[in-house]
Every structure is written in structure tokens, then in C-alpha cells.
Amino acid sequence: MARELLEGFIGPRSTAYYLRGFDSIDKRGGGVRPSWNWPAFLFSAAWALYRKMYIWFFGFWGITIVAGIVEKAGVPWVSSLLLLISMVLFGFYANALYFGRATRAIAHANTALDDAEE
């Protein structure tokens, strides 16, 4: 995928970090490969919202609601464990998920441009 297109998709913040991560994912054959993303771990839902990964944002919102219900049911350790596991998993897979979103968005834009030219 053209590096310039990925730079445009990512935007001005953390471009070098994501391009290095995307190169690594691409060299390993793509797919959902683990790597670590501290902001995605620490601020899971906010990071997903900032990066326009709305399905993941609402997924974390749902997990938070379920965790609150579990805590009110009298099992706070399960609630904490549920939140921690979801944060750790998202921290490991956020870069790959973001790369997938970027490649799909760029492919969709290219298809729309090709259709408009015809």
C-alpha cells in the first residue's frame, strides 16, 4: 500500500509510530498480529473513538456496562478482571486492527475514485 496514503489516513499525530508498526504487520503477512500500543491499553475506548474505530468504541462501552452490572451483582473482582482482560487484549491487537481499518478505508476510497472516473 502506498506510504503516502497511509500517512494521509493516520494524520499528523504519531505518523512515524504507526507507519513503523504497519510496516512490521505488512512484513509478517498482514492479519491480526500482536504488538503493543500503550495508548490503546490505557485509554481503550477513547483511543478507539479518536482513531474513528467506532465499533470498538461501542464494544468497550458495552463491556463497561456489563462490568458495572457484574459489580452491582456483588462480584467486583470479576468486573475488574473483565475490564483488565479487554484492555490488555486491545493493547496487544490495536495496531493490527487500526492497520486493517486503514487498508479497508483506502481501498474503499480508491474504488470510489475508480468508479467516479468511469
N, C-alpha and C. Protein backbone atom coordinates (compact mmCIF):
# COMPACT_ATOMS: atom_id res chain seq x y z
N MET A 1 0.86 -1.17 0.00
CA MET A 1 0.00 0.00 0.00
C MET A 1 0.90 1.23 0.00
N ALA A 2 0.50 2.25 -0.71
CA ALA A 2 1.31 3.45 -0.83
C ALA A 2 1.47 4.13 0.53
N ARG A 3 2.69 4.40 0.87
CA ARG A 3 3.02 5.02 2.16
C ARG A 3 2.33 6.37 2.32
N GLU A 4 2.24 7.13 1.24
CA GLU A 4 1.62 8.46 1.30
C GLU A 4 0.14 8.35 1.68
N LEU A 5 -0.52 7.35 1.17
CA LEU A 5 -1.94 7.16 1.50
C LEU A 5 -2.11 6.82 2.98
N LEU A 6 -1.23 5.96 3.50
CA LEU A 6 -1.30 5.64 4.92
C LEU A 6 -0.99 6.86 5.78
N GLU A 7 -0.01 7.67 5.37
CA GLU A 7 0.30 8.89 6.11
C GLU A 7 -0.91 9.82 6.14
N GLY A 8 -1.58 9.95 5.02
CA GLY A 8 -2.78 10.79 4.97
C GLY A 8 -3.89 10.25 5.84
N PHE A 9 -4.03 8.94 5.88
CA PHE A 9 -5.08 8.34 6.71
C PHE A 9 -4.79 8.54 8.19
N ILE A 10 -3.56 8.32 8.61
CA ILE A 10 -3.17 8.42 10.01
C ILE A 10 -3.29 9.85 10.50
N GLY A 11 -2.85 10.79 9.69
CA GLY A 11 -2.86 12.19 10.10
C GLY A 11 -1.53 12.57 10.72
N PRO A 12 -1.45 13.79 11.23
CA PRO A 12 -0.16 14.31 11.68
C PRO A 12 0.35 13.75 13.01
N ARG A 13 -0.52 13.18 13.82
CA ARG A 13 -0.10 12.70 15.14
C ARG A 13 0.34 11.25 15.09
N SER A 14 1.53 10.98 15.56
CA SER A 14 2.08 9.62 15.69
C SER A 14 2.25 8.90 14.37
N THR A 15 2.43 9.64 13.30
CA THR A 15 2.55 9.03 11.98
C THR A 15 3.72 8.05 11.91
N ALA A 16 4.88 8.47 12.40
CA ALA A 16 6.07 7.61 12.33
C ALA A 16 5.85 6.32 13.11
N TYR A 17 5.24 6.40 14.28
CA TYR A 17 4.98 5.21 15.10
C TYR A 17 4.10 4.23 14.35
N TYR A 18 2.99 4.71 13.80
CA TYR A 18 2.06 3.80 13.13
C TYR A 18 2.64 3.26 11.83
N LEU A 19 3.39 4.07 11.10
CA LEU A 19 3.99 3.56 9.86
C LEU A 19 4.98 2.44 10.15
N ARG A 20 5.78 2.59 11.22
CA ARG A 20 6.69 1.50 11.61
C ARG A 20 5.89 0.25 11.97
N GLY A 21 4.84 0.41 12.74
CA GLY A 21 4.01 -0.73 13.13
C GLY A 21 3.33 -1.37 11.93
N PHE A 22 2.83 -0.55 11.02
CA PHE A 22 2.16 -1.07 9.84
C PHE A 22 3.14 -1.81 8.95
N ASP A 23 4.37 -1.29 8.82
CA ASP A 23 5.39 -1.99 8.04
C ASP A 23 5.68 -3.36 8.64
N SER A 24 5.76 -3.41 9.95
CA SER A 24 6.03 -4.67 10.64
C SER A 24 4.89 -5.66 10.41
N ILE A 25 3.66 -5.20 10.51
CA ILE A 25 2.50 -6.06 10.29
C ILE A 25 2.48 -6.55 8.85
N ASP A 26 2.75 -5.64 7.91
CA ASP A 26 2.74 -5.98 6.49
C ASP A 26 3.83 -7.00 6.17
N LYS A 27 5.01 -6.86 6.76
CA LYS A 27 6.11 -7.80 6.52
C LYS A 27 5.80 -9.19 7.05
N ARG A 28 4.97 -9.25 8.11
CA ARG A 28 4.60 -10.55 8.68
C ARG A 28 3.40 -11.16 7.97
N GLY A 29 2.96 -10.54 6.89
CA GLY A 29 1.87 -11.13 6.12
C GLY A 29 0.51 -10.57 6.43
N GLY A 30 0.44 -9.45 7.13
CA GLY A 30 -0.85 -8.84 7.45
C GLY A 30 -1.59 -9.62 8.51
N GLY A 31 -2.88 -9.46 8.52
CA GLY A 31 -3.71 -10.13 9.51
C GLY A 31 -3.64 -9.46 10.87
N VAL A 32 -4.25 -10.08 11.83
CA VAL A 32 -4.29 -9.54 13.18
C VAL A 32 -3.15 -10.15 13.98
N ARG A 33 -2.04 -9.44 14.02
CA ARG A 33 -0.84 -9.89 14.72
C ARG A 33 -0.64 -9.05 15.97
N PRO A 34 -0.17 -9.65 17.06
CA PRO A 34 0.01 -8.87 18.28
C PRO A 34 1.23 -7.94 18.21
N SER A 35 1.05 -6.78 18.75
CA SER A 35 2.11 -5.81 19.03
C SER A 35 1.57 -5.00 20.21
N TRP A 36 2.32 -4.08 20.74
CA TRP A 36 1.84 -3.38 21.92
C TRP A 36 1.61 -1.91 21.62
N ASN A 37 0.47 -1.39 22.11
CA ASN A 37 0.12 0.01 21.95
C ASN A 37 -0.32 0.54 23.31
N TRP A 38 0.55 1.31 23.97
CA TRP A 38 0.24 1.83 25.30
C TRP A 38 -1.01 2.69 25.35
N PRO A 39 -1.18 3.66 24.44
CA PRO A 39 -2.41 4.47 24.50
C PRO A 39 -3.68 3.63 24.34
N ALA A 40 -3.64 2.63 23.46
CA ALA A 40 -4.81 1.77 23.28
C ALA A 40 -5.09 0.96 24.54
N PHE A 41 -4.04 0.57 25.26
CA PHE A 41 -4.22 -0.16 26.51
C PHE A 41 -4.78 0.76 27.60
N LEU A 42 -4.17 1.91 27.78
CA LEU A 42 -4.54 2.80 28.88
C LEU A 42 -5.87 3.52 28.67
N PHE A 43 -6.17 3.85 27.42
CA PHE A 43 -7.37 4.63 27.11
C PHE A 43 -8.19 3.94 26.03
N SER A 44 -8.47 2.68 26.21
CA SER A 44 -9.05 1.83 25.16
C SER A 44 -10.20 2.48 24.39
N ALA A 45 -11.27 2.82 25.07
CA ALA A 45 -12.43 3.36 24.38
C ALA A 45 -12.12 4.72 23.77
N ALA A 46 -11.43 5.58 24.50
CA ALA A 46 -11.10 6.91 23.98
C ALA A 46 -10.17 6.81 22.78
N TRP A 47 -9.21 5.89 22.83
CA TRP A 47 -8.30 5.70 21.71
C TRP A 47 -9.07 5.23 20.48
N ALA A 48 -9.98 4.28 20.68
CA ALA A 48 -10.77 3.78 19.56
C ALA A 48 -11.63 4.90 18.96
N LEU A 49 -12.21 5.74 19.80
CA LEU A 49 -13.01 6.85 19.32
C LEU A 49 -12.14 7.86 18.57
N TYR A 50 -10.97 8.18 19.11
CA TYR A 50 -10.06 9.13 18.46
C TYR A 50 -9.61 8.62 17.09
N ARG A 51 -9.38 7.33 16.97
CA ARG A 51 -8.93 6.74 15.71
C ARG A 51 -10.11 6.34 14.81
N LYS A 52 -11.33 6.76 15.18
CA LYS A 52 -12.55 6.53 14.40
C LYS A 52 -12.85 5.05 14.19
N MET A 53 -12.57 4.27 15.23
CA MET A 53 -12.88 2.85 15.22
C MET A 53 -14.14 2.67 16.09
N TYR A 54 -15.26 3.10 15.53
CA TYR A 54 -16.49 3.24 16.30
C TYR A 54 -17.04 1.93 16.83
N ILE A 55 -16.91 0.87 16.06
CA ILE A 55 -17.41 -0.43 16.54
C ILE A 55 -16.67 -0.85 17.80
N TRP A 56 -15.35 -0.63 17.83
CA TRP A 56 -14.57 -0.97 19.01
C TRP A 56 -14.91 -0.06 20.18
N PHE A 57 -15.18 1.22 19.89
CA PHE A 57 -15.60 2.14 20.95
C PHE A 57 -16.88 1.64 21.61
N PHE A 58 -17.87 1.31 20.79
CA PHE A 58 -19.13 0.83 21.35
C PHE A 58 -18.97 -0.53 22.02
N GLY A 59 -18.04 -1.34 21.52
CA GLY A 59 -17.74 -2.60 22.19
C GLY A 59 -17.23 -2.38 23.60
N PHE A 60 -16.31 -1.43 23.76
CA PHE A 60 -15.81 -1.11 25.10
C PHE A 60 -16.88 -0.49 25.98
N TRP A 61 -17.73 0.28 25.38
CA TRP A 61 -18.86 0.86 26.13
C TRP A 61 -19.74 -0.27 26.66
N GLY A 62 -20.02 -1.26 25.82
CA GLY A 62 -20.80 -2.41 26.25
C GLY A 62 -20.12 -3.22 27.33
N ILE A 63 -18.80 -3.42 27.20
CA ILE A 63 -18.05 -4.15 28.23
C ILE A 63 -18.11 -3.40 29.55
N THR A 64 -18.02 -2.08 29.50
CA THR A 64 -18.09 -1.27 30.71
C THR A 64 -19.46 -1.40 31.37
N ILE A 65 -20.51 -1.42 30.58
CA ILE A 65 -21.86 -1.59 31.13
C ILE A 65 -22.00 -2.96 31.77
N VAL A 66 -21.53 -4.00 31.09
CA VAL A 66 -21.60 -5.35 31.64
C VAL A 66 -20.78 -5.43 32.94
N ALA A 67 -19.59 -4.81 32.94
CA ALA A 67 -18.75 -4.81 34.13
C ALA A 67 -19.45 -4.12 35.29
N GLY A 68 -20.16 -3.03 35.01
CA GLY A 68 -20.92 -2.34 36.05
C GLY A 68 -22.04 -3.20 36.61
N ILE A 69 -22.71 -3.93 35.74
CA ILE A 69 -23.78 -4.83 36.19
C ILE A 69 -23.22 -5.94 37.06
N VAL A 70 -22.11 -6.50 36.63
CA VAL A 70 -21.46 -7.58 37.40
C VAL A 70 -21.02 -7.05 38.76
N GLU A 71 -20.49 -5.84 38.79
CA GLU A 71 -20.05 -5.26 40.07
C GLU A 71 -21.22 -5.04 41.01
N LYS A 72 -22.33 -4.54 40.48
CA LYS A 72 -23.52 -4.33 41.31
C LYS A 72 -24.13 -5.64 41.77
N ALA A 73 -23.85 -6.72 41.05
CA ALA A 73 -24.34 -8.03 41.45
C ALA A 73 -23.52 -8.60 42.60
N GLY A 74 -22.47 -7.89 42.98
CA GLY A 74 -21.70 -8.31 44.15
C GLY A 74 -20.42 -9.06 43.85
N VAL A 75 -19.95 -9.00 42.61
CA VAL A 75 -18.72 -9.69 42.25
C VAL A 75 -17.75 -8.68 41.61
N PRO A 76 -17.21 -7.75 42.41
CA PRO A 76 -16.37 -6.70 41.83
C PRO A 76 -15.08 -7.20 41.19
N TRP A 77 -14.52 -8.31 41.68
CA TRP A 77 -13.28 -8.81 41.11
C TRP A 77 -13.49 -9.30 39.68
N VAL A 78 -14.67 -9.85 39.38
CA VAL A 78 -14.97 -10.30 38.02
C VAL A 78 -15.09 -9.09 37.10
N SER A 79 -15.69 -8.03 37.60
CA SER A 79 -15.82 -6.80 36.85
C SER A 79 -14.45 -6.24 36.49
N SER A 80 -13.58 -6.17 37.49
CA SER A 80 -12.22 -5.66 37.26
C SER A 80 -11.45 -6.56 36.29
N LEU A 81 -11.60 -7.85 36.44
CA LEU A 81 -10.93 -8.80 35.56
C LEU A 81 -11.41 -8.65 34.11
N LEU A 82 -12.70 -8.48 33.94
CA LEU A 82 -13.28 -8.30 32.61
C LEU A 82 -12.71 -7.05 31.94
N LEU A 83 -12.65 -5.96 32.67
CA LEU A 83 -12.10 -4.72 32.12
C LEU A 83 -10.61 -4.86 31.82
N LEU A 84 -9.88 -5.47 32.72
CA LEU A 84 -8.44 -5.62 32.53
C LEU A 84 -8.12 -6.51 31.32
N ILE A 85 -8.81 -7.61 31.19
CA ILE A 85 -8.58 -8.52 30.06
C ILE A 85 -8.89 -7.81 28.74
N SER A 86 -10.00 -7.07 28.70
CA SER A 86 -10.34 -6.38 27.45
C SER A 86 -9.31 -5.30 27.12
N MET A 87 -8.79 -4.60 28.13
CA MET A 87 -7.77 -3.57 27.90
C MET A 87 -6.46 -4.19 27.40
N VAL A 88 -6.06 -5.29 28.02
CA VAL A 88 -4.81 -5.95 27.61
C VAL A 88 -4.93 -6.49 26.18
N LEU A 89 -6.02 -7.15 25.88
CA LEU A 89 -6.20 -7.68 24.52
C LEU A 89 -6.21 -6.56 23.49
N PHE A 90 -6.89 -5.46 23.81
CA PHE A 90 -6.92 -4.34 22.87
C PHE A 90 -5.54 -3.71 22.75
N GLY A 91 -4.80 -3.63 23.84
CA GLY A 91 -3.43 -3.11 23.78
C GLY A 91 -2.55 -3.94 22.86
N PHE A 92 -2.76 -5.26 22.87
CA PHE A 92 -1.97 -6.14 22.01
C PHE A 92 -2.38 -6.07 20.54
N TYR A 93 -3.65 -5.91 20.25
CA TYR A 93 -4.13 -6.03 18.88
C TYR A 93 -4.57 -4.72 18.24
N ALA A 94 -4.48 -3.60 18.94
CA ALA A 94 -4.98 -2.33 18.41
C ALA A 94 -4.26 -1.91 17.13
N ASN A 95 -2.94 -2.05 17.08
CA ASN A 95 -2.21 -1.64 15.87
C ASN A 95 -2.66 -2.43 14.66
N ALA A 96 -2.83 -3.71 14.82
CA ALA A 96 -3.27 -4.55 13.69
C ALA A 96 -4.70 -4.20 13.29
N LEU A 97 -5.56 -3.94 14.26
CA LEU A 97 -6.94 -3.56 13.95
C LEU A 97 -6.98 -2.21 13.24
N TYR A 98 -6.13 -1.30 13.68
CA TYR A 98 -6.07 0.03 13.04
C TYR A 98 -5.50 -0.09 11.62
N PHE A 99 -4.51 -0.94 11.43
CA PHE A 99 -3.97 -1.18 10.09
C PHE A 99 -5.05 -1.74 9.17
N GLY A 100 -5.83 -2.67 9.67
CA GLY A 100 -6.93 -3.23 8.88
C GLY A 100 -7.94 -2.16 8.51
N ARG A 101 -8.27 -1.29 9.46
CA ARG A 101 -9.20 -0.19 9.18
C ARG A 101 -8.63 0.74 8.12
N ALA A 102 -7.34 1.06 8.24
CA ALA A 102 -6.70 1.96 7.28
C ALA A 102 -6.71 1.36 5.88
N THR A 103 -6.34 0.10 5.75
CA THR A 103 -6.29 -0.52 4.42
C THR A 103 -7.68 -0.63 3.80
N ARG A 104 -8.69 -0.94 4.62
CA ARG A 104 -10.06 -1.01 4.09
C ARG A 104 -10.55 0.37 3.64
N ALA A 105 -10.27 1.40 4.43
CA ALA A 105 -10.71 2.76 4.08
C ALA A 105 -10.02 3.25 2.81
N ILE A 106 -8.74 2.97 2.68
CA ILE A 106 -8.01 3.39 1.48
C ILE A 106 -8.50 2.62 0.26
N ALA A 107 -8.74 1.33 0.41
CA ALA A 107 -9.25 0.53 -0.71
C ALA A 107 -10.64 1.03 -1.13
N HIS A 108 -11.48 1.37 -0.14
CA HIS A 108 -12.82 1.89 -0.44
C HIS A 108 -12.72 3.23 -1.18
N ALA A 109 -11.82 4.09 -0.74
CA ALA A 109 -11.63 5.39 -1.40
C ALA A 109 -11.13 5.20 -2.83
N ASN A 110 -10.19 4.28 -3.02
CA ASN A 110 -9.68 4.02 -4.38
C ASN A 110 -10.77 3.48 -5.28
N THR A 111 -11.62 2.61 -4.75
CA THR A 111 -12.73 2.08 -5.54
C THR A 111 -13.70 3.18 -5.92
N ALA A 112 -13.99 4.06 -4.98
CA ALA A 112 -14.89 5.18 -5.26
C ALA A 112 -14.30 6.11 -6.32
N LEU A 113 -12.98 6.33 -6.26
CA LEU A 113 -12.33 7.17 -7.28
C LEU A 113 -12.38 6.50 -8.65
N ASP A 114 -12.14 5.19 -8.67
CA ASP A 114 -12.19 4.46 -9.95
C ASP A 114 -13.59 4.51 -10.54
N ASP A 115 -14.60 4.35 -9.70
CA ASP A 115 -15.98 4.41 -10.18
C ASP A 115 -16.32 5.80 -10.69
N ALA A 116 -15.81 6.83 -10.04
CA ALA A 116 -16.10 8.20 -10.45
C ALA A 116 -15.42 8.53 -11.77
N GLU A 117 -14.29 7.92 -12.04
CA GLU A 117 -13.57 8.19 -13.30
C GLU A 117 -14.21 7.50 -14.50
N GLU A 118 -14.98 6.47 -14.25
CA GLU A 118 -15.59 5.72 -15.37
C GLU A 118 -16.77 6.41 -15.94
